[in-house]
Amino acid sequence: MKRFQLIAAAVLGAVALVIILGTAGLEFWSGISPGPRFMPILVGTAILVLSALYMYEVNQHATDAAIDFPTGSDGRRIIFIALAIIAFALIAVPLGIIVAAFVFILVTLLLILRQPLLPSLLASIVTIGVIYSIFVAWLDLRLPVGIFGI
């Protein structure tokens, strides 16, 4: 288990380095506001620090116990959520990000997590409203709109 945790921390550290080094050609600061490299540097640095702290924690306290992978319905739920994420990536451009995110949230809540219909619809609508408000209305980002034009 300890070796698996150290590998996971090393992979997270590698992802952080890819984020940091992959944005090397971008501006960190642009005039009076943050540039396109500002957020990747913050996120990459945070991931790098957290992975180092996780490695330290594992070396200090972890034991070599057997890995306890989820089985049964928990294992199936993880597989279905991974498949839903892949499906979201495939339908995001043709349907548009907003519609694809709505479908993803609704399918995840209803079919995978088995939540009631009304709260699932409400959560999906509120989440999509927040996403639309922040990225489209406030930040004026052009998200893929797909066939629905949303």
N, C-alpha and C. Protein backbone atom coordinates (compact mmCIF):
# COMPACT_ATOMS: atom_id res chain seq x y z
N MET A 1 0.83 -1.20 0.00
CA MET A 1 0.00 0.00 0.00
C MET A 1 0.87 1.26 0.00
N LYS A 2 1.94 1.21 0.79
CA LYS A 2 2.81 2.38 0.88
C LYS A 2 3.44 2.70 -0.47
N ARG A 3 3.87 1.68 -1.19
CA ARG A 3 4.47 1.89 -2.50
C ARG A 3 3.44 2.50 -3.46
N PHE A 4 2.21 1.99 -3.42
CA PHE A 4 1.14 2.51 -4.27
C PHE A 4 0.87 3.98 -3.97
N GLN A 5 0.87 4.35 -2.70
CA GLN A 5 0.65 5.75 -2.31
C GLN A 5 1.79 6.64 -2.78
N LEU A 6 3.02 6.15 -2.69
CA LEU A 6 4.17 6.93 -3.15
C LEU A 6 4.14 7.10 -4.67
N ILE A 7 3.71 6.07 -5.39
CA ILE A 7 3.58 6.18 -6.85
C ILE A 7 2.51 7.20 -7.19
N ALA A 8 1.39 7.18 -6.47
CA ALA A 8 0.32 8.15 -6.73
C ALA A 8 0.82 9.57 -6.49
N ALA A 9 1.57 9.78 -5.42
CA ALA A 9 2.11 11.11 -5.13
C ALA A 9 3.11 11.53 -6.21
N ALA A 10 3.92 10.59 -6.69
CA ALA A 10 4.88 10.91 -7.75
C ALA A 10 4.18 11.27 -9.06
N VAL A 11 3.10 10.57 -9.37
CA VAL A 11 2.33 10.88 -10.58
C VAL A 11 1.71 12.27 -10.46
N LEU A 12 1.16 12.60 -9.30
CA LEU A 12 0.62 13.95 -9.09
C LEU A 12 1.71 15.00 -9.24
N GLY A 13 2.88 14.72 -8.70
CA GLY A 13 4.00 15.66 -8.85
C GLY A 13 4.39 15.83 -10.31
N ALA A 14 4.38 14.73 -11.07
CA ALA A 14 4.70 14.80 -12.50
C ALA A 14 3.66 15.61 -13.26
N VAL A 15 2.38 15.44 -12.91
CA VAL A 15 1.32 16.24 -13.54
C VAL A 15 1.54 17.72 -13.24
N ALA A 16 1.91 18.02 -12.01
CA ALA A 16 2.16 19.42 -11.64
C ALA A 16 3.31 19.99 -12.46
N LEU A 17 4.37 19.22 -12.63
CA LEU A 17 5.50 19.70 -13.43
C LEU A 17 5.12 19.90 -14.89
N VAL A 18 4.27 19.01 -15.42
CA VAL A 18 3.80 19.18 -16.80
C VAL A 18 3.01 20.47 -16.93
N ILE A 19 2.16 20.76 -15.95
CA ILE A 19 1.38 22.00 -15.96
C ILE A 19 2.31 23.21 -15.92
N ILE A 20 3.26 23.18 -15.02
CA ILE A 20 4.17 24.32 -14.84
C ILE A 20 5.07 24.50 -16.07
N LEU A 21 5.68 23.43 -16.54
CA LEU A 21 6.59 23.53 -17.68
C LEU A 21 5.84 23.69 -19.00
N GLY A 22 4.65 23.15 -19.08
CA GLY A 22 3.88 23.24 -20.32
C GLY A 22 3.35 24.63 -20.61
N THR A 23 3.33 25.48 -19.62
CA THR A 23 2.85 26.85 -19.82
C THR A 23 4.00 27.85 -19.83
N ALA A 24 5.21 27.38 -20.04
CA ALA A 24 6.40 28.23 -19.96
C ALA A 24 6.38 29.38 -20.95
N GLY A 25 5.75 29.21 -22.10
CA GLY A 25 5.75 30.26 -23.11
C GLY A 25 4.68 31.32 -22.91
N LEU A 26 3.86 31.17 -21.90
CA LEU A 26 2.78 32.12 -21.67
C LEU A 26 3.19 33.20 -20.68
N GLU A 27 2.49 34.33 -20.73
CA GLU A 27 2.78 35.43 -19.80
C GLU A 27 2.17 35.15 -18.43
N PHE A 28 2.95 35.40 -17.38
CA PHE A 28 2.43 35.25 -16.03
C PHE A 28 1.58 36.46 -15.65
N TRP A 29 2.04 37.63 -16.04
CA TRP A 29 1.32 38.87 -15.74
C TRP A 29 1.20 39.67 -17.02
N SER A 30 0.02 40.20 -17.29
CA SER A 30 -0.22 40.91 -18.53
C SER A 30 -0.78 42.30 -18.21
N GLY A 31 0.09 43.29 -18.24
CA GLY A 31 -0.35 44.66 -17.92
C GLY A 31 -0.71 44.80 -16.45
N ILE A 32 -1.97 45.07 -16.19
CA ILE A 32 -2.41 45.24 -14.80
C ILE A 32 -3.21 44.05 -14.30
N SER A 33 -3.23 42.96 -15.06
CA SER A 33 -4.02 41.80 -14.64
C SER A 33 -3.22 40.51 -14.85
N PRO A 34 -3.65 39.44 -14.23
CA PRO A 34 -2.97 38.16 -14.41
C PRO A 34 -3.03 37.71 -15.87
N GLY A 35 -1.95 37.08 -16.30
CA GLY A 35 -1.88 36.58 -17.67
C GLY A 35 -2.35 35.14 -17.74
N PRO A 36 -2.23 34.52 -18.91
CA PRO A 36 -2.72 33.16 -19.09
C PRO A 36 -1.93 32.10 -18.33
N ARG A 37 -0.74 32.44 -17.84
CA ARG A 37 0.05 31.47 -17.08
C ARG A 37 -0.20 31.58 -15.57
N PHE A 38 -0.91 32.60 -15.14
CA PHE A 38 -1.10 32.86 -13.72
C PHE A 38 -1.77 31.67 -13.01
N MET A 39 -2.95 31.27 -13.51
CA MET A 39 -3.68 30.20 -12.85
C MET A 39 -2.98 28.84 -12.97
N PRO A 40 -2.44 28.48 -14.15
CA PRO A 40 -1.71 27.20 -14.21
C PRO A 40 -0.53 27.14 -13.23
N ILE A 41 0.15 28.26 -13.03
CA ILE A 41 1.26 28.26 -12.07
C ILE A 41 0.73 28.05 -10.65
N LEU A 42 -0.36 28.73 -10.30
CA LEU A 42 -0.94 28.54 -8.96
C LEU A 42 -1.38 27.10 -8.75
N VAL A 43 -2.11 26.55 -9.72
CA VAL A 43 -2.60 25.18 -9.60
C VAL A 43 -1.45 24.18 -9.60
N GLY A 44 -0.51 24.35 -10.51
CA GLY A 44 0.63 23.44 -10.58
C GLY A 44 1.47 23.46 -9.32
N THR A 45 1.70 24.66 -8.78
CA THR A 45 2.47 24.78 -7.54
C THR A 45 1.73 24.13 -6.37
N ALA A 46 0.42 24.36 -6.31
CA ALA A 46 -0.37 23.76 -5.23
C ALA A 46 -0.33 22.23 -5.31
N ILE A 47 -0.47 21.69 -6.52
CA ILE A 47 -0.42 20.23 -6.69
C ILE A 47 0.96 19.71 -6.32
N LEU A 48 2.01 20.40 -6.72
CA LEU A 48 3.37 19.98 -6.40
C LEU A 48 3.62 19.97 -4.90
N VAL A 49 3.19 21.03 -4.22
CA VAL A 49 3.36 21.10 -2.76
C VAL A 49 2.54 20.00 -2.08
N LEU A 50 1.30 19.81 -2.51
CA LEU A 50 0.46 18.78 -1.89
C LEU A 50 1.00 17.38 -2.14
N SER A 51 1.55 17.12 -3.32
CA SER A 51 2.12 15.80 -3.57
C SER A 51 3.36 15.57 -2.71
N ALA A 52 4.17 16.60 -2.51
CA ALA A 52 5.34 16.47 -1.64
C ALA A 52 4.91 16.22 -0.19
N LEU A 53 3.89 16.94 0.25
CA LEU A 53 3.37 16.73 1.61
C LEU A 53 2.78 15.33 1.76
N TYR A 54 2.12 14.86 0.71
CA TYR A 54 1.55 13.51 0.75
C TYR A 54 2.65 12.46 0.84
N MET A 55 3.74 12.66 0.09
CA MET A 55 4.87 11.73 0.17
C MET A 55 5.45 11.72 1.59
N TYR A 56 5.59 12.91 2.16
CA TYR A 56 6.10 13.00 3.53
C TYR A 56 5.17 12.26 4.50
N GLU A 57 3.88 12.49 4.37
CA GLU A 57 2.89 11.85 5.24
C GLU A 57 2.94 10.33 5.12
N VAL A 58 3.04 9.85 3.90
CA VAL A 58 3.09 8.40 3.67
C VAL A 58 4.35 7.82 4.30
N ASN A 59 5.47 8.49 4.13
CA ASN A 59 6.72 7.98 4.71
C ASN A 59 6.70 8.01 6.23
N GLN A 60 5.95 8.92 6.83
CA GLN A 60 5.91 9.02 8.28
C GLN A 60 4.92 8.06 8.93
N HIS A 61 3.78 7.81 8.27
CA HIS A 61 2.69 7.13 8.98
C HIS A 61 2.13 5.89 8.29
N ALA A 62 2.34 5.72 7.01
CA ALA A 62 1.70 4.62 6.29
C ALA A 62 2.37 3.29 6.62
N THR A 63 1.56 2.25 6.56
CA THR A 63 2.08 0.89 6.73
C THR A 63 1.93 0.15 5.41
N ASP A 64 2.56 -0.98 5.31
CA ASP A 64 2.48 -1.78 4.09
C ASP A 64 1.29 -2.74 4.17
N ALA A 65 0.11 -2.19 4.26
CA ALA A 65 -1.11 -3.00 4.26
C ALA A 65 -1.51 -3.30 2.82
N ALA A 66 -2.35 -4.28 2.66
CA ALA A 66 -2.83 -4.63 1.32
C ALA A 66 -3.73 -3.53 0.78
N ILE A 67 -3.73 -3.36 -0.53
CA ILE A 67 -4.58 -2.36 -1.16
C ILE A 67 -6.01 -2.86 -1.16
N ASP A 68 -6.92 -2.02 -0.71
CA ASP A 68 -8.32 -2.39 -0.62
C ASP A 68 -9.10 -1.69 -1.73
N PHE A 69 -9.13 -2.32 -2.91
CA PHE A 69 -9.85 -1.74 -4.04
C PHE A 69 -11.35 -1.93 -3.86
N PRO A 70 -12.15 -0.97 -4.34
CA PRO A 70 -13.59 -1.11 -4.23
C PRO A 70 -14.09 -2.29 -5.07
N THR A 71 -15.06 -2.99 -4.53
CA THR A 71 -15.64 -4.13 -5.25
C THR A 71 -17.15 -3.97 -5.27
N GLY A 72 -17.80 -4.85 -6.00
CA GLY A 72 -19.26 -4.86 -6.04
C GLY A 72 -19.83 -3.58 -6.62
N SER A 73 -20.86 -3.06 -5.96
CA SER A 73 -21.54 -1.86 -6.48
C SER A 73 -20.64 -0.63 -6.43
N ASP A 74 -19.74 -0.56 -5.46
CA ASP A 74 -18.82 0.58 -5.40
C ASP A 74 -17.86 0.58 -6.59
N GLY A 75 -17.36 -0.57 -6.94
CA GLY A 75 -16.47 -0.68 -8.09
C GLY A 75 -17.19 -0.36 -9.39
N ARG A 76 -18.42 -0.84 -9.54
CA ARG A 76 -19.21 -0.53 -10.74
C ARG A 76 -19.50 0.96 -10.82
N ARG A 77 -19.79 1.58 -9.71
CA ARG A 77 -20.08 3.02 -9.70
C ARG A 77 -18.87 3.82 -10.20
N ILE A 78 -17.69 3.43 -9.77
CA ILE A 78 -16.47 4.12 -10.23
C ILE A 78 -16.30 3.95 -11.73
N ILE A 79 -16.53 2.75 -12.23
CA ILE A 79 -16.40 2.51 -13.67
C ILE A 79 -17.44 3.32 -14.44
N PHE A 80 -18.68 3.36 -13.96
CA PHE A 80 -19.73 4.11 -14.65
C PHE A 80 -19.46 5.61 -14.65
N ILE A 81 -18.92 6.12 -13.56
CA ILE A 81 -18.59 7.55 -13.51
C ILE A 81 -17.45 7.85 -14.50
N ALA A 82 -16.46 6.98 -14.58
CA ALA A 82 -15.38 7.17 -15.55
C ALA A 82 -15.94 7.14 -16.98
N LEU A 83 -16.87 6.22 -17.25
CA LEU A 83 -17.49 6.16 -18.58
C LEU A 83 -18.33 7.40 -18.85
N ALA A 84 -19.00 7.93 -17.83
CA ALA A 84 -19.79 9.16 -18.00
C ALA A 84 -18.88 10.34 -18.31
N ILE A 85 -17.72 10.41 -17.70
CA ILE A 85 -16.76 11.48 -17.99
C ILE A 85 -16.27 11.38 -19.43
N ILE A 86 -15.99 10.16 -19.89
CA ILE A 86 -15.57 9.96 -21.27
C ILE A 86 -16.70 10.36 -22.23
N ALA A 87 -17.93 9.97 -21.90
CA ALA A 87 -19.08 10.34 -22.73
C ALA A 87 -19.24 11.86 -22.77
N PHE A 88 -19.04 12.53 -21.63
CA PHE A 88 -19.12 13.99 -21.59
C PHE A 88 -18.10 14.60 -22.55
N ALA A 89 -16.88 14.08 -22.52
CA ALA A 89 -15.84 14.61 -23.41
C ALA A 89 -16.21 14.40 -24.88
N LEU A 90 -16.87 13.30 -25.18
CA LEU A 90 -17.25 13.02 -26.56
C LEU A 90 -18.42 13.86 -27.05
N ILE A 91 -19.36 14.20 -26.15
CA ILE A 91 -20.54 14.95 -26.58
C ILE A 91 -20.43 16.45 -26.35
N ALA A 92 -19.36 16.90 -25.69
CA ALA A 92 -19.23 18.32 -25.34
C ALA A 92 -19.20 19.24 -26.55
N VAL A 93 -18.49 18.88 -27.58
CA VAL A 93 -18.40 19.75 -28.76
C VAL A 93 -19.67 19.65 -29.62
N PRO A 94 -20.16 18.45 -29.94
CA PRO A 94 -21.36 18.41 -30.78
C PRO A 94 -22.60 19.00 -30.12
N LEU A 95 -22.79 18.77 -28.83
CA LEU A 95 -23.98 19.28 -28.15
C LEU A 95 -23.75 20.64 -27.51
N GLY A 96 -22.52 20.99 -27.24
CA GLY A 96 -22.19 22.21 -26.52
C GLY A 96 -21.88 21.87 -25.07
N ILE A 97 -21.01 22.67 -24.47
CA ILE A 97 -20.57 22.42 -23.09
C ILE A 97 -21.74 22.48 -22.11
N ILE A 98 -22.60 23.47 -22.25
CA ILE A 98 -23.69 23.65 -21.30
C ILE A 98 -24.65 22.47 -21.34
N VAL A 99 -25.07 22.08 -22.52
CA VAL A 99 -26.00 20.95 -22.66
C VAL A 99 -25.32 19.66 -22.21
N ALA A 100 -24.07 19.44 -22.62
CA ALA A 100 -23.35 18.22 -22.23
C ALA A 100 -23.16 18.15 -20.72
N ALA A 101 -22.86 19.28 -20.09
CA ALA A 101 -22.69 19.28 -18.63
C ALA A 101 -24.02 18.98 -17.94
N PHE A 102 -25.10 19.54 -18.46
CA PHE A 102 -26.42 19.25 -17.89
C PHE A 102 -26.73 17.76 -17.97
N VAL A 103 -26.50 17.17 -19.15
CA VAL A 103 -26.74 15.74 -19.34
C VAL A 103 -25.84 14.93 -18.42
N PHE A 104 -24.57 15.30 -18.33
CA PHE A 104 -23.62 14.58 -17.48
C PHE A 104 -24.06 14.59 -16.01
N ILE A 105 -24.41 15.77 -15.52
CA ILE A 105 -24.82 15.88 -14.11
C ILE A 105 -26.09 15.08 -13.86
N LEU A 106 -27.06 15.21 -14.75
CA LEU A 106 -28.33 14.51 -14.58
C LEU A 106 -28.15 12.99 -14.64
N VAL A 107 -27.39 12.51 -15.61
CA VAL A 107 -27.15 11.07 -15.73
C VAL A 107 -26.40 10.56 -14.50
N THR A 108 -25.40 11.31 -14.07
CA THR A 108 -24.64 10.89 -12.89
C THR A 108 -25.53 10.79 -11.66
N LEU A 109 -26.35 11.81 -11.45
CA LEU A 109 -27.21 11.80 -10.26
C LEU A 109 -28.31 10.74 -10.34
N LEU A 110 -28.97 10.65 -11.48
CA LEU A 110 -30.11 9.74 -11.59
C LEU A 110 -29.70 8.28 -11.76
N LEU A 111 -28.84 8.01 -12.73
CA LEU A 111 -28.55 6.62 -13.07
C LEU A 111 -27.41 5.99 -12.27
N ILE A 112 -26.40 6.78 -11.96
CA ILE A 112 -25.25 6.20 -11.27
C ILE A 112 -25.41 6.29 -9.76
N LEU A 113 -25.78 7.47 -9.26
CA LEU A 113 -25.91 7.65 -7.81
C LEU A 113 -27.31 7.36 -7.29
N ARG A 114 -28.27 7.12 -8.19
CA ARG A 114 -29.64 6.73 -7.84
C ARG A 114 -30.34 7.74 -6.93
N GLN A 115 -30.23 9.02 -7.30
CA GLN A 115 -30.88 10.08 -6.52
C GLN A 115 -32.28 10.32 -7.08
N PRO A 116 -33.18 10.91 -6.28
CA PRO A 116 -34.54 11.20 -6.75
C PRO A 116 -34.53 12.21 -7.90
N LEU A 117 -35.58 12.18 -8.72
CA LEU A 117 -35.66 12.98 -9.93
C LEU A 117 -35.66 14.48 -9.64
N LEU A 118 -36.54 14.96 -8.79
CA LEU A 118 -36.68 16.39 -8.58
C LEU A 118 -35.41 17.05 -8.03
N PRO A 119 -34.80 16.51 -6.97
CA PRO A 119 -33.55 17.12 -6.51
C PRO A 119 -32.43 17.04 -7.55
N SER A 120 -32.42 15.98 -8.34
CA SER A 120 -31.41 15.84 -9.39
C SER A 120 -31.59 16.91 -10.46
N LEU A 121 -32.84 17.13 -10.88
CA LEU A 121 -33.12 18.18 -11.86
C LEU A 121 -32.74 19.55 -11.31
N LEU A 122 -33.10 19.80 -10.06
CA LEU A 122 -32.79 21.09 -9.44
C LEU A 122 -31.28 21.30 -9.34
N ALA A 123 -30.56 20.29 -8.90
CA ALA A 123 -29.10 20.40 -8.79
C ALA A 123 -28.48 20.62 -10.16
N SER A 124 -28.98 19.93 -11.17
CA SER A 124 -28.45 20.10 -12.53
C SER A 124 -28.70 21.51 -13.05
N ILE A 125 -29.90 22.01 -12.86
CA ILE A 125 -30.25 23.35 -13.34
C ILE A 125 -29.44 24.43 -12.62
N VAL A 126 -29.31 24.30 -11.31
CA VAL A 126 -28.54 25.29 -10.54
C VAL A 126 -27.06 25.25 -10.95
N THR A 127 -26.50 24.06 -11.09
CA THR A 127 -25.10 23.94 -11.47
C THR A 127 -24.85 24.53 -12.86
N ILE A 128 -25.71 24.23 -13.79
CA ILE A 128 -25.57 24.77 -15.14
C ILE A 128 -25.76 26.28 -15.13
N GLY A 129 -26.69 26.77 -14.30
CA GLY A 129 -26.87 28.22 -14.16
C GLY A 129 -25.61 28.90 -13.66
N VAL A 130 -24.97 28.29 -12.67
CA VAL A 130 -23.73 28.85 -12.12
C VAL A 130 -22.62 28.81 -13.17
N ILE A 131 -22.48 27.69 -13.88
CA ILE A 131 -21.46 27.58 -14.92
C ILE A 131 -21.69 28.63 -16.00
N TYR A 132 -22.93 28.75 -16.47
CA TYR A 132 -23.24 29.72 -17.52
C TYR A 132 -22.99 31.15 -17.02
N SER A 133 -23.43 31.44 -15.80
CA SER A 133 -23.26 32.79 -15.25
C SER A 133 -21.80 33.19 -15.15
N ILE A 134 -20.98 32.28 -14.67
CA ILE A 134 -19.56 32.60 -14.47
C ILE A 134 -18.82 32.67 -15.81
N PHE A 135 -18.91 31.62 -16.60
CA PHE A 135 -18.05 31.53 -17.78
C PHE A 135 -18.58 32.29 -18.99
N VAL A 136 -19.88 32.28 -19.21
CA VAL A 136 -20.42 32.91 -20.41
C VAL A 136 -20.81 34.36 -20.12
N ALA A 137 -21.64 34.57 -19.09
CA ALA A 137 -22.14 35.92 -18.83
C ALA A 137 -21.09 36.84 -18.21
N TRP A 138 -20.38 36.34 -17.20
CA TRP A 138 -19.45 37.21 -16.47
C TRP A 138 -18.09 37.30 -17.16
N LEU A 139 -17.46 36.16 -17.44
CA LEU A 139 -16.12 36.16 -18.03
C LEU A 139 -16.14 36.29 -19.56
N ASP A 140 -17.31 36.21 -20.14
CA ASP A 140 -17.49 36.36 -21.58
C ASP A 140 -16.62 35.39 -22.38
N LEU A 141 -16.56 34.14 -21.90
CA LEU A 141 -15.82 33.10 -22.61
C LEU A 141 -16.73 32.46 -23.65
N ARG A 142 -16.12 32.11 -24.75
CA ARG A 142 -16.87 31.46 -25.83
C ARG A 142 -16.71 29.94 -25.67
N LEU A 143 -17.67 29.34 -25.02
CA LEU A 143 -17.65 27.88 -24.87
C LEU A 143 -18.25 27.27 -26.13
N PRO A 144 -17.87 26.03 -26.47
CA PRO A 144 -18.51 25.38 -27.60
C PRO A 144 -20.03 25.32 -27.41
N VAL A 145 -20.78 25.76 -28.42
CA VAL A 145 -22.24 25.84 -28.28
C VAL A 145 -22.95 24.67 -28.92
N GLY A 146 -22.36 23.96 -29.83
CA GLY A 146 -22.97 22.79 -30.40
C GLY A 146 -24.22 23.08 -31.21
N ILE A 147 -24.99 22.03 -31.44
CA ILE A 147 -26.15 22.14 -32.33
C ILE A 147 -27.30 22.93 -31.71
N PHE A 148 -27.33 23.10 -30.42
CA PHE A 148 -28.42 23.82 -29.75
C PHE A 148 -28.15 25.31 -29.64
N GLY A 149 -26.93 25.74 -29.89
CA GLY A 149 -26.60 27.15 -29.83
C GLY A 149 -26.54 27.73 -28.43
N ILE A 150 -26.44 26.86 -27.43
CA ILE A 150 -26.39 27.32 -26.03
C ILE A 150 -24.97 27.26 -25.53
